[in-house]
PDB file of N, CA and C in Angstrom:
ATOM      1  N   MET A   1    -216.139 -38.049 -53.913  1.00  0.00           N
ATOM      2  CA  MET A   1    -216.728 -38.245 -52.613  1.00  0.00           C
ATOM      3  C   MET A   1    -218.163 -38.732 -52.749  1.00  0.00           C
ATOM      4  N   LYS A   2    -218.573 -39.501 -51.810  1.00  0.00           N
ATOM      5  CA  LYS A   2    -219.950 -39.987 -51.837  1.00  0.00           C
ATOM      6  C   LYS A   2    -220.889 -38.945 -51.254  1.00  0.00           C
ATOM      7  N   LYS A   3    -222.100 -38.951 -51.752  1.00  0.00           N
ATOM      8  CA  LYS A   3    -223.106 -38.020 -51.251  1.00  0.00           C
ATOM      9  C   LYS A   3    -223.685 -38.568 -49.967  1.00  0.00           C
ATOM     10  N   ARG A   4    -223.803 -37.708 -48.976  1.00  0.00           N
ATOM     11  CA  ARG A   4    -224.320 -38.125 -47.675  1.00  0.00           C
ATOM     12  C   ARG A   4    -225.788 -37.799 -47.507  1.00  0.00           C
ATOM     13  N   TRP A   5    -226.287 -36.815 -48.213  1.00  0.00           N
ATOM     14  CA  TRP A   5    -227.638 -36.330 -47.952  1.00  0.00           C
ATOM     15  C   TRP A   5    -228.534 -36.651 -49.135  1.00  0.00           C
ATOM     16  N   LEU A   6    -229.768 -36.975 -48.848  1.00  0.00           N
ATOM     17  CA  LEU A   6    -230.728 -37.248 -49.900  1.00  0.00           C
ATOM     18  C   LEU A   6    -231.295 -35.970 -50.487  1.00  0.00           C
ATOM     19  N   LYS A   7    -231.363 -34.934 -49.690  1.00  0.00           N
ATOM     20  CA  LYS A   7    -231.818 -33.642 -50.197  1.00  0.00           C
ATOM     21  C   LYS A   7    -230.797 -32.579 -49.805  1.00  0.00           C
ATOM     22  N   ARG A   8    -230.774 -31.505 -50.536  1.00  0.00           N
ATOM     23  CA  ARG A   8    -229.825 -30.430 -50.289  1.00  0.00           C
ATOM     24  C   ARG A   8    -230.200 -29.698 -49.008  1.00  0.00           C
ATOM     25  N   GLU A   9    -229.219 -29.507 -48.152  1.00  0.00           N
ATOM     26  CA  GLU A   9    -229.422 -28.761 -46.914  1.00  0.00           C
ATOM     27  C   GLU A   9    -228.480 -27.576 -46.894  1.00  0.00           C
ATOM     28  N   ILE A  10    -228.918 -26.507 -46.306  1.00  0.00           N
ATOM     29  CA  ILE A  10    -228.083 -25.329 -46.154  1.00  0.00           C
ATOM     30  C   ILE A  10    -227.549 -25.312 -44.734  1.00  0.00           C
ATOM     31  N   ILE A  11    -226.240 -25.303 -44.614  1.00  0.00           N
ATOM     32  CA  ILE A  11    -225.598 -25.217 -43.303  1.00  0.00           C
ATOM     33  C   ILE A  11    -225.135 -23.783 -43.123  1.00  0.00           C
ATOM     34  N   THR A  12    -225.661 -23.129 -42.118  1.00  0.00           N
ATOM     35  CA  THR A  12    -225.302 -21.729 -41.918  1.00  0.00           C
ATOM     36  C   THR A  12    -224.123 -21.567 -40.977  1.00  0.00           C
ATOM     37  N   ALA A  13    -223.884 -22.557 -40.131  1.00  0.00           N
ATOM     38  CA  ALA A  13    -222.766 -22.458 -39.197  1.00  0.00           C
ATOM     39  C   ALA A  13    -222.449 -23.830 -38.617  1.00  0.00           C
ATOM     40  N   VAL A  14    -221.185 -23.996 -38.235  1.00  0.00           N
ATOM     41  CA  VAL A  14    -220.731 -25.195 -37.541  1.00  0.00           C
ATOM     42  C   VAL A  14    -220.016 -24.731 -36.288  1.00  0.00           C
ATOM     43  N   HIS A  15    -220.440 -25.214 -35.150  1.00  0.00           N
ATOM     44  CA  HIS A  15    -219.814 -24.837 -33.888  1.00  0.00           C
ATOM     45  C   HIS A  15    -218.409 -25.415 -33.811  1.00  0.00           C
ATOM     46  N   ASP A  16    -217.511 -24.727 -33.131  1.00  0.00           N
ATOM     47  CA  ASP A  16    -216.135 -25.212 -32.954  1.00  0.00           C
ATOM     48  C   ASP A  16    -216.091 -26.651 -32.447  1.00  0.00           C
ATOM     49  N   ASN A  17    -217.008 -26.990 -31.552  1.00  0.00           N
ATOM     50  CA  ASN A  17    -217.038 -28.349 -30.996  1.00  0.00           C
ATOM     51  C   ASN A  17    -217.342 -29.411 -32.053  1.00  0.00           C
ATOM     52  N   ASP A  18    -217.994 -28.999 -33.146  1.00  0.00           N
ATOM     53  CA  ASP A  18    -218.395 -29.938 -34.191  1.00  0.00           C
ATOM     54  C   ASP A  18    -217.532 -29.843 -35.449  1.00  0.00           C
ATOM     55  N   LEU A  19    -216.540 -28.972 -35.456  1.00  0.00           N
ATOM     56  CA  LEU A  19    -215.753 -28.732 -36.663  1.00  0.00           C
ATOM     57  C   LEU A  19    -215.017 -29.977 -37.144  1.00  0.00           C
ATOM     58  N   VAL A  20    -214.358 -30.687 -36.263  1.00  0.00           N
ATOM     59  CA  VAL A  20    -213.605 -31.884 -36.658  1.00  0.00           C
ATOM     60  C   VAL A  20    -214.556 -32.924 -37.241  1.00  0.00           C
ATOM     61  N   LYS A  21    -215.697 -33.117 -36.602  1.00  0.00           N
ATOM     62  CA  LYS A  21    -216.691 -34.075 -37.101  1.00  0.00           C
ATOM     63  C   LYS A  21    -217.208 -33.642 -38.473  1.00  0.00           C
ATOM     64  N   PHE A  22    -217.460 -32.358 -38.653  1.00  0.00           N
ATOM     65  CA  PHE A  22    -217.928 -31.828 -39.928  1.00  0.00           C
ATOM     66  C   PHE A  22    -216.887 -32.048 -41.030  1.00  0.00           C
ATOM     67  N   LEU A  23    -215.640 -31.704 -40.751  1.00  0.00           N
ATOM     68  CA  LEU A  23    -214.575 -31.893 -41.745  1.00  0.00           C
ATOM     69  C   LEU A  23    -214.405 -33.369 -42.090  1.00  0.00           C
ATOM     70  N   ASP A  24    -214.471 -34.222 -41.093  1.00  0.00           N
ATOM     71  CA  ASP A  24    -214.324 -35.658 -41.320  1.00  0.00           C
ATOM     72  C   ASP A  24    -215.474 -36.193 -42.164  1.00  0.00           C
ATOM     73  N   SER A  25    -216.674 -35.752 -41.891  1.00  0.00           N
ATOM     74  CA  SER A  25    -217.842 -36.243 -42.628  1.00  0.00           C
ATOM     75  C   SER A  25    -217.829 -35.802 -44.090  1.00  0.00           C
ATOM     76  N   ASN A  26    -217.062 -34.777 -44.403  1.00  0.00           N
ATOM     77  CA  ASN A  26    -216.962 -34.288 -45.772  1.00  0.00           C
ATOM     78  C   ASN A  26    -215.651 -34.671 -46.444  1.00  0.00           C
ATOM     79  N   GLY A  27    -214.857 -35.501 -45.772  1.00  0.00           N
ATOM     80  CA  GLY A  27    -213.620 -35.992 -46.356  1.00  0.00           C
ATOM     81  C   GLY A  27    -212.454 -35.023 -46.343  1.00  0.00           C
ATOM     82  N   PHE A  28    -212.520 -34.003 -45.506  1.00  0.00           N
ATOM     83  CA  PHE A  28    -211.465 -32.998 -45.472  1.00  0.00           C
ATOM     84  C   PHE A  28    -210.522 -33.096 -44.281  1.00  0.00           C
ATOM     85  N   LEU A  29    -210.897 -33.821 -43.254  1.00  0.00           N
ATOM     86  CA  LEU A  29    -210.121 -33.790 -42.013  1.00  0.00           C
ATOM     87  C   LEU A  29    -208.666 -34.185 -42.224  1.00  0.00           C
ATOM     88  N   LYS A  30    -208.409 -35.322 -42.847  1.00  0.00           N
ATOM     89  CA  LYS A  30    -207.028 -35.771 -43.035  1.00  0.00           C
ATOM     90  C   LYS A  30    -206.243 -34.809 -43.909  1.00  0.00           C
ATOM     91  N   LYS A  31    -206.891 -34.254 -44.936  1.00  0.00           N
ATOM     92  CA  LYS A  31    -206.221 -33.294 -45.819  1.00  0.00           C
ATOM     93  C   LYS A  31    -205.871 -32.007 -45.069  1.00  0.00           C
ATOM     94  N   VAL A  32    -206.790 -31.527 -44.244  1.00  0.00           N
ATOM     95  CA  VAL A  32    -206.537 -30.306 -43.467  1.00  0.00           C
ATOM     96  C   VAL A  32    -205.431 -30.558 -42.449  1.00  0.00           C
ATOM     97  N   GLU A  33    -205.487 -31.694 -41.771  1.00  0.00           N
ATOM     98  CA  GLU A  33    -204.454 -32.015 -40.785  1.00  0.00           C
ATOM     99  C   GLU A  33    -203.076 -32.138 -41.436  1.00  0.00           C
ATOM    100  N   ALA A  34    -203.044 -32.588 -42.681  1.00  0.00           N
ATOM    101  CA  ALA A  34    -201.767 -32.741 -43.402  1.00  0.00           C
ATOM    102  C   ALA A  34    -201.337 -31.453 -44.104  1.00  0.00           C
ATOM    103  N   GLY A  35    -202.151 -30.402 -44.020  1.00  0.00           N
ATOM    104  CA  GLY A  35    -201.816 -29.137 -44.672  1.00  0.00           C
ATOM    105  C   GLY A  35    -201.930 -29.201 -46.182  1.00  0.00           C
ATOM    106  N   GLU A  36    -202.826 -30.042 -46.691  1.00  0.00           N
ATOM    107  CA  GLU A  36    -202.979 -30.240 -48.121  1.00  0.00           C
ATOM    108  C   GLU A  36    -204.105 -29.420 -48.744  1.00  0.00           C
ATOM    109  N   CYS A  37    -204.771 -28.594 -47.953  1.00  0.00           N
ATOM    110  CA  CYS A  37    -205.875 -27.781 -48.467  1.00  0.00           C
ATOM    111  C   CYS A  37    -205.447 -26.315 -48.453  1.00  0.00           C
ATOM    112  N   PRO A  38    -205.283 -25.711 -49.625  1.00  0.00           N
ATOM    113  CA  PRO A  38    -204.878 -24.312 -49.665  1.00  0.00           C
ATOM    114  C   PRO A  38    -206.061 -23.365 -49.423  1.00  0.00           C
ATOM    115  N   CYS A  39    -205.753 -22.206 -48.897  1.00  0.00           N
ATOM    116  CA  CYS A  39    -206.752 -21.148 -48.771  1.00  0.00           C
ATOM    117  C   CYS A  39    -207.173 -20.736 -50.183  1.00  0.00           C
ATOM    118  N   ALA A  40    -208.467 -20.584 -50.402  1.00  0.00           N
ATOM    119  CA  ALA A  40    -208.988 -20.229 -51.721  1.00  0.00           C
ATOM    120  C   ALA A  40    -208.591 -18.819 -52.149  1.00  0.00           C
ATOM    121  N   ILE A  41    -208.143 -17.990 -51.215  1.00  0.00           N
ATOM    122  CA  ILE A  41    -207.746 -16.619 -51.545  1.00  0.00           C
ATOM    123  C   ILE A  41    -206.233 -16.494 -51.684  1.00  0.00           C
ATOM    124  N   CYS A  42    -205.491 -16.852 -50.635  1.00  0.00           N
ATOM    125  CA  CYS A  42    -204.043 -16.604 -50.639  1.00  0.00           C
ATOM    126  C   CYS A  42    -203.200 -17.837 -50.947  1.00  0.00           C
ATOM    127  N   GLY A  43    -203.791 -19.022 -50.835  1.00  0.00           N
ATOM    128  CA  GLY A  43    -203.088 -20.237 -51.182  1.00  0.00           C
ATOM    129  C   GLY A  43    -202.246 -20.880 -50.096  1.00  0.00           C
ATOM    130  N   ILE A  44    -202.167 -20.268 -48.903  1.00  0.00           N
ATOM    131  CA  ILE A  44    -201.382 -20.902 -47.849  1.00  0.00           C
ATOM    132  C   ILE A  44    -202.124 -22.139 -47.345  1.00  0.00           C
ATOM    133  N   PRO A  45    -201.397 -23.136 -46.850  1.00  0.00           N
ATOM    134  CA  PRO A  45    -202.065 -24.336 -46.349  1.00  0.00           C
ATOM    135  C   PRO A  45    -202.982 -24.021 -45.156  1.00  0.00           C
ATOM    136  N   VAL A  46    -204.204 -24.524 -45.219  1.00  0.00           N
ATOM    137  CA  VAL A  46    -205.168 -24.354 -44.133  1.00  0.00           C
ATOM    138  C   VAL A  46    -205.063 -25.573 -43.228  1.00  0.00           C
ATOM    139  N   ASN A  47    -204.983 -25.313 -41.926  1.00  0.00           N
ATOM    140  CA  ASN A  47    -204.959 -26.396 -40.940  1.00  0.00           C
ATOM    141  C   ASN A  47    -206.005 -26.093 -39.871  1.00  0.00           C
ATOM    142  N   LEU A  48    -206.085 -26.931 -38.862  1.00  0.00           N
ATOM    143  CA  LEU A  48    -207.105 -26.731 -37.822  1.00  0.00           C
ATOM    144  C   LEU A  48    -206.872 -25.469 -37.001  1.00  0.00           C
ATOM    145  N   ASP A  49    -205.637 -24.983 -36.967  1.00  0.00           N
ATOM    146  CA  ASP A  49    -205.340 -23.780 -36.191  1.00  0.00           C
ATOM    147  C   ASP A  49    -205.654 -22.491 -36.940  1.00  0.00           C
ATOM    148  N   ASN A  50    -205.633 -22.518 -38.275  1.00  0.00           N
ATOM    149  CA  ASN A  50    -205.851 -21.278 -39.010  1.00  0.00           C
ATOM    150  C   ASN A  50    -207.074 -21.323 -39.934  1.00  0.00           C
ATOM    151  N   LEU A  51    -207.952 -22.303 -39.755  1.00  0.00           N
ATOM    152  CA  LEU A  51    -209.157 -22.412 -40.574  1.00  0.00           C
ATOM    153  C   LEU A  51    -210.114 -21.280 -40.234  1.00  0.00           C
ATOM    154  N   GLY A  52    -210.477 -20.501 -41.240  1.00  0.00           N
ATOM    155  CA  GLY A  52    -211.363 -19.364 -41.012  1.00  0.00           C
ATOM    156  C   GLY A  52    -212.781 -19.596 -41.492  1.00  0.00           C
ATOM    157  N   ALA A  53    -212.930 -20.296 -42.635  1.00  0.00           N
ATOM    158  CA  ALA A  53    -214.264 -20.515 -43.200  1.00  0.00           C
ATOM    159  C   ALA A  53    -214.245 -21.711 -44.140  1.00  0.00           C
ATOM    160  N   VAL A  54    -215.417 -22.345 -44.240  1.00  0.00           N
ATOM    161  CA  VAL A  54    -215.651 -23.443 -45.176  1.00  0.00           C
ATOM    162  C   VAL A  54    -216.976 -23.124 -45.847  1.00  0.00           C
ATOM    163  N   PHE A  55    -216.999 -23.158 -47.197  1.00  0.00           N
ATOM    164  CA  PHE A  55    -218.252 -22.867 -47.877  1.00  0.00           C
ATOM    165  C   PHE A  55    -218.299 -23.559 -49.233  1.00  0.00           C
ATOM    166  N   PRO A  56    -219.521 -23.908 -49.678  1.00  0.00           N
ATOM    167  CA  PRO A  56    -219.672 -24.535 -50.996  1.00  0.00           C
ATOM    168  C   PRO A  56    -219.926 -23.497 -52.076  1.00  0.00           C
ATOM    169  N   LYS A  57    -219.450 -23.810 -53.269  1.00  0.00           N
ATOM    170  CA  LYS A  57    -219.764 -22.997 -54.442  1.00  0.00           C
ATOM    171  C   LYS A  57    -219.560 -23.871 -55.672  1.00  0.00           C
ATOM    172  N   GLU A  58    -220.580 -23.943 -56.517  1.00  0.00           N
ATOM    173  CA  GLU A  58    -220.503 -24.688 -57.765  1.00  0.00           C
ATOM    174  C   GLU A  58    -220.021 -26.128 -57.551  1.00  0.00           C
ATOM    175  N   SER A  59    -220.646 -26.831 -56.645  1.00  0.00           N
ATOM    176  CA  SER A  59    -220.351 -28.245 -56.361  1.00  0.00           C
ATOM    177  C   SER A  59    -218.943 -28.491 -55.840  1.00  0.00           C
ATOM    178  N   TYR A  60    -218.302 -27.483 -55.284  1.00  0.00           N
ATOM    179  CA  TYR A  60    -216.969 -27.644 -54.715  1.00  0.00           C
ATOM    180  C   TYR A  60    -216.973 -26.993 -53.339  1.00  0.00           C
ATOM    181  N   ILE A  61    -216.186 -27.522 -52.421  1.00  0.00           N
ATOM    182  CA  ILE A  61    -216.083 -26.929 -51.088  1.00  0.00           C
ATOM    183  C   ILE A  61    -214.759 -26.191 -50.980  1.00  0.00           C
ATOM    184  N   TYR A  62    -214.824 -24.927 -50.621  1.00  0.00           N
ATOM    185  CA  TYR A  62    -213.647 -24.076 -50.477  1.00  0.00           C
ATOM    186  C   TYR A  62    -213.338 -23.853 -49.010  1.00  0.00           C
ATOM    187  N   LEU A  63    -212.063 -23.667 -48.702  1.00  0.00           N
ATOM    188  CA  LEU A  63    -211.620 -23.327 -47.363  1.00  0.00           C
ATOM    189  C   LEU A  63    -210.865 -22.013 -47.416  1.00  0.00           C
ATOM    190  N   LEU A  64    -211.024 -21.213 -46.382  1.00  0.00           N
ATOM    191  CA  LEU A  64    -210.271 -19.964 -46.244  1.00  0.00           C
ATOM    192  C   LEU A  64    -209.481 -20.016 -44.951  1.00  0.00           C
ATOM    193  N   CYS A  65    -208.311 -19.394 -44.979  1.00  0.00           N
ATOM    194  CA  CYS A  65    -207.547 -19.260 -43.742  1.00  0.00           C
ATOM    195  C   CYS A  65    -208.149 -18.113 -42.929  1.00  0.00           C
ATOM    196  N   ASP A  66    -207.657 -17.923 -41.728  1.00  0.00           N
ATOM    197  CA  ASP A  66    -208.252 -16.914 -40.840  1.00  0.00           C
ATOM    198  C   ASP A  66    -207.596 -15.546 -40.936  1.00  0.00           C
ATOM    199  N   GLN A  67    -206.754 -15.314 -41.930  1.00  0.00           N
ATOM    200  CA  GLN A  67    -206.159 -13.990 -42.092  1.00  0.00           C
ATOM    201  C   GLN A  67    -207.268 -12.986 -42.405  1.00  0.00           C
ATOM    202  N   PRO A  68    -207.259 -11.834 -41.767  1.00  0.00           N
ATOM    203  CA  PRO A  68    -208.309 -10.842 -42.025  1.00  0.00           C
ATOM    204  C   PRO A  68    -208.432 -10.471 -43.500  1.00  0.00           C
ATOM    205  N   SER A  69    -207.313 -10.417 -44.215  1.00  0.00           N
ATOM    206  CA  SER A  69    -207.367 -10.067 -45.637  1.00  0.00           C
ATOM    207  C   SER A  69    -208.124 -11.111 -46.455  1.00  0.00           C
ATOM    208  N   CYS A  70    -208.052 -12.364 -46.056  1.00  0.00           N
ATOM    209  CA  CYS A  70    -208.786 -13.420 -46.752  1.00  0.00           C
ATOM    210  C   CYS A  70    -210.243 -13.463 -46.301  1.00  0.00           C
ATOM    211  N   MET A  71    -210.471 -13.373 -45.002  1.00  0.00           N
ATOM    212  CA  MET A  71    -211.839 -13.414 -44.488  1.00  0.00           C
ATOM    213  C   MET A  71    -212.673 -12.247 -45.013  1.00  0.00           C
ATOM    214  N   SER A  72    -212.047 -11.103 -45.234  1.00  0.00           N
ATOM    215  CA  SER A  72    -212.798  -9.949 -45.721  1.00  0.00           C
ATOM    216  C   SER A  72    -213.190 -10.093 -47.189  1.00  0.00           C
ATOM    217  N   ARG A  73    -212.609 -11.060 -47.888  1.00  0.00           N
ATOM    218  CA  ARG A  73    -212.909 -11.262 -49.307  1.00  0.00           C
ATOM    219  C   ARG A  73    -213.844 -12.442 -49.554  1.00  0.00           C
ATOM    220  N   ILE A  74    -214.408 -13.005 -48.498  1.00  0.00           N
ATOM    221  CA  ILE A  74    -215.302 -14.156 -48.680  1.00  0.00           C
ATOM    222  C   ILE A  74    -216.504 -13.787 -49.552  1.00  0.00           C
ATOM    223  N   ASP A  75    -216.953 -12.560 -49.477  1.00  0.00           N
ATOM    224  CA  ASP A  75    -218.098 -12.163 -50.302  1.00  0.00           C
ATOM    225  C   ASP A  75    -217.781 -12.266 -51.784  1.00  0.00           C
ATOM    226  N   ILE A  76    -216.558 -12.011 -52.174  1.00  0.00           N
ATOM    227  CA  ILE A  76    -216.153 -12.143 -53.572  1.00  0.00           C
ATOM    228  C   ILE A  76    -216.242 -13.597 -54.006  1.00  0.00           C
ATOM    229  N   MET A  77    -215.853 -14.505 -53.121  1.00  0.00           N
ATOM    230  CA  MET A  77    -215.891 -15.934 -53.431  1.00  0.00           C
ATOM    231  C   MET A  77    -217.334 -16.444 -53.546  1.00  0.00           C
ATOM    232  N   LEU A  78    -218.254 -15.833 -52.836  1.00  0.00           N
ATOM    233  CA  LEU A  78    -219.641 -16.316 -52.817  1.00  0.00           C
ATOM    234  C   LEU A  78    -220.469 -15.809 -53.975  1.00  0.00           C
ATOM    235  N   ILE A  79    -219.993 -14.800 -54.706  1.00  0.00           N
ATOM    236  CA  ILE A  79    -220.741 -14.253 -55.834  1.00  0.00           C
ATOM    237  C   ILE A  79    -220.729 -15.249 -56.973  1.00  0.00           C
ATOM    238  N   ASP A  80    -221.894 -15.560 -57.481  1.00  0.00           N
ATOM    239  CA  ASP A  80    -222.005 -16.481 -58.628  1.00  0.00           C
ATOM    240  C   ASP A  80    -221.600 -15.762 -59.900  1.00  0.00           C
ATOM    241  N   ASN A  81    -220.787 -16.418 -60.691  1.00  0.00           N
ATOM    242  CA  ASN A  81    -220.354 -15.840 -61.969  1.00  0.00           C
ATOM    243  C   ASN A  81    -221.231 -16.313 -63.121  1.00  0.00           C
ATOM    244  N   ASP A  82    -222.365 -16.874 -62.825  1.00  0.00           N
ATOM    245  CA  ASP A  82    -223.260 -17.397 -63.873  1.00  0.00           C
ATOM    246  C   ASP A  82    -224.037 -16.286 -64.526  1.00  0.00           C
TER     247      ASP A  82
END
């Protein structure tokens, strides 16, 4: 994927109204719509109806589904193993 930003920015939240635009700008919209992006915790396909979270870690963008069991483990995914 091409880099869009000249400097690193921290995105703390994306409003529901901007989610499709955000996913499209990061190259994920078509993949999410096609069910080609698995949840980073449980592995089920993430789509626009069950998308719970999007976050970067180690130069990769992860998606989580909205299942409470997956959303409650987001802190584990955010811990750096360095």
